[in-house]
Amino acid sequence: MRNEMIGAVVRRAIEHPEFRRRLIDDPQDALQSHGFALEEAEMAELTKIRETIGGDDAEQQLVSIAEQYGVHPRAEK
């Protein structure tokens, strides 16, 4: 279940840039407003992920992370 929840959050961050920005700025509020209820271990994992995201290639970084969790985000066309 942990990988599925983290994968869902990462997928949402890839598909919705505003959510991605809010997730970095205020993760608790962003997650809560989007209906995510994460356990402590999941939050710790997201915190580690959050610390690695940045720069102009944030979306590509998230795609790589999503794939590590078995999520294959849809390609935008």
N, C-alpha and C. Protein backbone atom coordinates (compact mmCIF):
# COMPACT_ATOMS: atom_id res chain seq x y z
N MET A 1 0.82 -1.19 0.00
CA MET A 1 0.00 0.00 0.00
C MET A 1 0.87 1.26 0.00
N ARG A 2 1.99 1.21 0.69
CA ARG A 2 2.86 2.38 0.78
C ARG A 2 3.31 2.86 -0.60
N ASN A 3 3.80 1.94 -1.42
CA ASN A 3 4.24 2.33 -2.75
C ASN A 3 3.10 2.88 -3.58
N GLU A 4 1.91 2.33 -3.43
CA GLU A 4 0.77 2.81 -4.19
C GLU A 4 0.41 4.24 -3.81
N MET A 5 0.42 4.55 -2.51
CA MET A 5 0.09 5.90 -2.06
C MET A 5 1.15 6.90 -2.52
N ILE A 6 2.40 6.55 -2.34
CA ILE A 6 3.47 7.45 -2.77
C ILE A 6 3.43 7.63 -4.28
N GLY A 7 3.20 6.56 -4.99
CA GLY A 7 3.08 6.64 -6.45
C GLY A 7 1.93 7.54 -6.87
N ALA A 8 0.82 7.47 -6.17
CA ALA A 8 -0.33 8.32 -6.49
C ALA A 8 -0.01 9.79 -6.26
N VAL A 9 0.69 10.09 -5.18
CA VAL A 9 1.07 11.47 -4.90
C VAL A 9 2.03 11.97 -5.97
N VAL A 10 3.02 11.16 -6.31
CA VAL A 10 4.00 11.56 -7.32
C VAL A 10 3.31 11.75 -8.67
N ARG A 11 2.39 10.85 -9.02
CA ARG A 11 1.65 10.99 -10.28
C ARG A 11 0.88 12.31 -10.30
N ARG A 12 0.20 12.62 -9.21
CA ARG A 12 -0.55 13.87 -9.13
C ARG A 12 0.39 15.06 -9.30
N ALA A 13 1.57 14.99 -8.69
CA ALA A 13 2.54 16.08 -8.79
C ALA A 13 3.05 16.26 -10.22
N ILE A 14 3.16 15.17 -10.95
CA ILE A 14 3.59 15.24 -12.34
C ILE A 14 2.50 15.87 -13.20
N GLU A 15 1.28 15.44 -12.99
CA GLU A 15 0.17 15.86 -13.84
C GLU A 15 -0.37 17.24 -13.51
N HIS A 16 -0.11 17.72 -12.29
CA HIS A 16 -0.67 19.01 -11.85
C HIS A 16 0.43 19.88 -11.26
N PRO A 17 1.01 20.77 -12.06
CA PRO A 17 2.11 21.62 -11.57
C PRO A 17 1.75 22.44 -10.33
N GLU A 18 0.52 22.89 -10.20
CA GLU A 18 0.13 23.67 -9.02
C GLU A 18 0.20 22.79 -7.76
N PHE A 19 -0.26 21.55 -7.88
CA PHE A 19 -0.14 20.63 -6.74
C PHE A 19 1.32 20.39 -6.41
N ARG A 20 2.15 20.24 -7.42
CA ARG A 20 3.59 20.02 -7.22
C ARG A 20 4.19 21.20 -6.43
N ARG A 21 3.84 22.42 -6.81
CA ARG A 21 4.36 23.59 -6.13
C ARG A 21 3.89 23.62 -4.67
N ARG A 22 2.61 23.34 -4.47
CA ARG A 22 2.06 23.33 -3.11
C ARG A 22 2.67 22.20 -2.28
N LEU A 23 2.93 21.08 -2.92
CA LEU A 23 3.52 19.94 -2.21
C LEU A 23 4.91 20.30 -1.69
N ILE A 24 5.65 21.05 -2.44
CA ILE A 24 6.99 21.46 -2.02
C ILE A 24 6.90 22.54 -0.95
N ASP A 25 5.97 23.49 -1.13
CA ASP A 25 5.83 24.61 -0.19
C ASP A 25 5.22 24.19 1.15
N ASP A 26 4.14 23.43 1.10
CA ASP A 26 3.41 23.04 2.32
C ASP A 26 2.80 21.65 2.10
N PRO A 27 3.59 20.61 2.29
CA PRO A 27 3.12 19.26 1.96
C PRO A 27 1.86 18.83 2.70
N GLN A 28 1.77 19.13 3.99
CA GLN A 28 0.59 18.71 4.75
C GLN A 28 -0.68 19.29 4.15
N ASP A 29 -0.67 20.59 3.87
CA ASP A 29 -1.85 21.24 3.31
C ASP A 29 -2.17 20.72 1.91
N ALA A 30 -1.15 20.56 1.09
CA ALA A 30 -1.37 20.07 -0.28
C ALA A 30 -1.98 18.68 -0.27
N LEU A 31 -1.43 17.80 0.55
CA LEU A 31 -1.93 16.43 0.62
C LEU A 31 -3.36 16.39 1.15
N GLN A 32 -3.59 17.14 2.20
CA GLN A 32 -4.92 17.15 2.81
C GLN A 32 -5.97 17.70 1.85
N SER A 33 -5.63 18.77 1.15
CA SER A 33 -6.60 19.38 0.24
C SER A 33 -6.91 18.50 -0.96
N HIS A 34 -6.03 17.55 -1.26
CA HIS A 34 -6.26 16.62 -2.37
C HIS A 34 -6.73 15.26 -1.90
N GLY A 35 -7.05 15.16 -0.62
CA GLY A 35 -7.64 13.93 -0.10
C GLY A 35 -6.67 12.81 0.22
N PHE A 36 -5.39 13.11 0.31
CA PHE A 36 -4.41 12.08 0.66
C PHE A 36 -4.26 12.02 2.19
N ALA A 37 -4.33 10.83 2.73
CA ALA A 37 -4.11 10.62 4.16
C ALA A 37 -2.95 9.63 4.28
N LEU A 38 -1.77 10.16 4.56
CA LEU A 38 -0.58 9.33 4.58
C LEU A 38 -0.15 9.00 6.00
N GLU A 39 0.40 7.82 6.16
CA GLU A 39 0.95 7.40 7.44
C GLU A 39 2.33 8.03 7.61
N GLU A 40 2.85 7.91 8.81
CA GLU A 40 4.13 8.53 9.14
C GLU A 40 5.27 8.05 8.22
N ALA A 41 5.32 6.77 7.95
CA ALA A 41 6.38 6.23 7.08
C ALA A 41 6.27 6.78 5.66
N GLU A 42 5.05 6.92 5.17
CA GLU A 42 4.84 7.48 3.83
C GLU A 42 5.25 8.95 3.79
N MET A 43 4.91 9.70 4.84
CA MET A 43 5.31 11.10 4.91
C MET A 43 6.83 11.23 4.95
N ALA A 44 7.49 10.37 5.67
CA ALA A 44 8.95 10.40 5.74
C ALA A 44 9.55 10.15 4.36
N GLU A 45 8.98 9.20 3.64
CA GLU A 45 9.46 8.91 2.29
C GLU A 45 9.24 10.11 1.37
N LEU A 46 8.07 10.74 1.45
CA LEU A 46 7.80 11.92 0.64
C LEU A 46 8.72 13.08 1.00
N THR A 47 9.07 13.19 2.26
CA THR A 47 9.99 14.25 2.67
C THR A 47 11.34 14.05 2.01
N LYS A 48 11.81 12.80 1.98
CA LYS A 48 13.08 12.51 1.30
C LYS A 48 12.98 12.85 -0.18
N ILE A 49 11.88 12.49 -0.81
CA ILE A 49 11.68 12.79 -2.22
C ILE A 49 11.65 14.29 -2.44
N ARG A 50 10.91 14.98 -1.60
CA ARG A 50 10.77 16.44 -1.70
C ARG A 50 12.12 17.14 -1.69
N GLU A 51 13.02 16.64 -0.88
CA GLU A 51 14.33 17.26 -0.75
C GLU A 51 15.20 17.08 -2.00
N THR A 52 14.86 16.12 -2.84
CA THR A 52 15.66 15.88 -4.04
C THR A 52 15.11 16.58 -5.29
N ILE A 53 13.89 17.11 -5.19
CA ILE A 53 13.25 17.73 -6.35
C ILE A 53 13.60 19.20 -6.43
N GLY A 54 13.87 19.65 -7.63
CA GLY A 54 14.14 21.08 -7.80
C GLY A 54 14.72 21.37 -9.17
N GLY A 55 14.82 22.61 -9.45
CA GLY A 55 15.40 23.03 -10.71
C GLY A 55 14.43 22.92 -11.86
N ASP A 56 14.97 23.08 -13.05
CA ASP A 56 14.15 23.08 -14.26
C ASP A 56 13.67 21.70 -14.66
N ASP A 57 14.30 20.66 -14.13
CA ASP A 57 13.93 19.31 -14.54
C ASP A 57 13.11 18.58 -13.47
N ALA A 58 12.37 19.31 -12.66
CA ALA A 58 11.59 18.70 -11.57
C ALA A 58 10.61 17.67 -12.10
N GLU A 59 9.96 17.96 -13.22
CA GLU A 59 8.98 17.01 -13.75
C GLU A 59 9.67 15.72 -14.16
N GLN A 60 10.82 15.81 -14.81
CA GLN A 60 11.54 14.60 -15.22
C GLN A 60 12.02 13.83 -13.99
N GLN A 61 12.45 14.53 -12.96
CA GLN A 61 12.85 13.87 -11.72
C GLN A 61 11.67 13.10 -11.14
N LEU A 62 10.49 13.72 -11.17
CA LEU A 62 9.30 13.04 -10.65
C LEU A 62 8.94 11.82 -11.47
N VAL A 63 9.10 11.89 -12.77
CA VAL A 63 8.81 10.74 -13.63
C VAL A 63 9.74 9.58 -13.25
N SER A 64 11.01 9.87 -13.05
CA SER A 64 11.96 8.83 -12.65
C SER A 64 11.58 8.22 -11.30
N ILE A 65 11.19 9.07 -10.36
CA ILE A 65 10.77 8.58 -9.04
C ILE A 65 9.51 7.74 -9.16
N ALA A 66 8.56 8.20 -9.95
CA ALA A 66 7.31 7.46 -10.14
C ALA A 66 7.59 6.05 -10.66
N GLU A 67 8.49 5.96 -11.62
CA GLU A 67 8.83 4.65 -12.19
C GLU A 67 9.45 3.73 -11.14
N GLN A 68 10.18 4.30 -10.18
CA GLN A 68 10.74 3.49 -9.10
C GLN A 68 9.64 2.87 -8.24
N TYR A 69 8.49 3.54 -8.18
CA TYR A 69 7.35 3.06 -7.40
C TYR A 69 6.33 2.31 -8.25
N GLY A 70 6.70 2.01 -9.48
CA GLY A 70 5.82 1.23 -10.34
C GLY A 70 4.72 2.03 -11.00
N VAL A 71 4.83 3.34 -11.00
CA VAL A 71 3.83 4.20 -11.63
C VAL A 71 4.40 4.68 -12.96
N HIS A 72 3.61 4.53 -14.00
CA HIS A 72 4.03 4.99 -15.31
C HIS A 72 3.09 6.12 -15.72
N PRO A 73 3.52 7.35 -15.43
CA PRO A 73 2.66 8.50 -15.73
C PRO A 73 2.34 8.59 -17.21
N ARG A 74 1.15 9.06 -17.47
CA ARG A 74 0.77 9.20 -18.88
C ARG A 74 1.61 10.26 -19.55
N ALA A 75 1.92 10.01 -20.79
CA ALA A 75 2.73 10.98 -21.56
C ALA A 75 1.80 12.08 -22.05
N GLU A 76 2.22 13.32 -21.88
CA GLU A 76 1.44 14.45 -22.35
C GLU A 76 1.73 14.66 -23.82
N LYS A 77 0.67 14.92 -24.58
CA LYS A 77 0.84 15.14 -26.02
C LYS A 77 0.15 16.39 -26.42
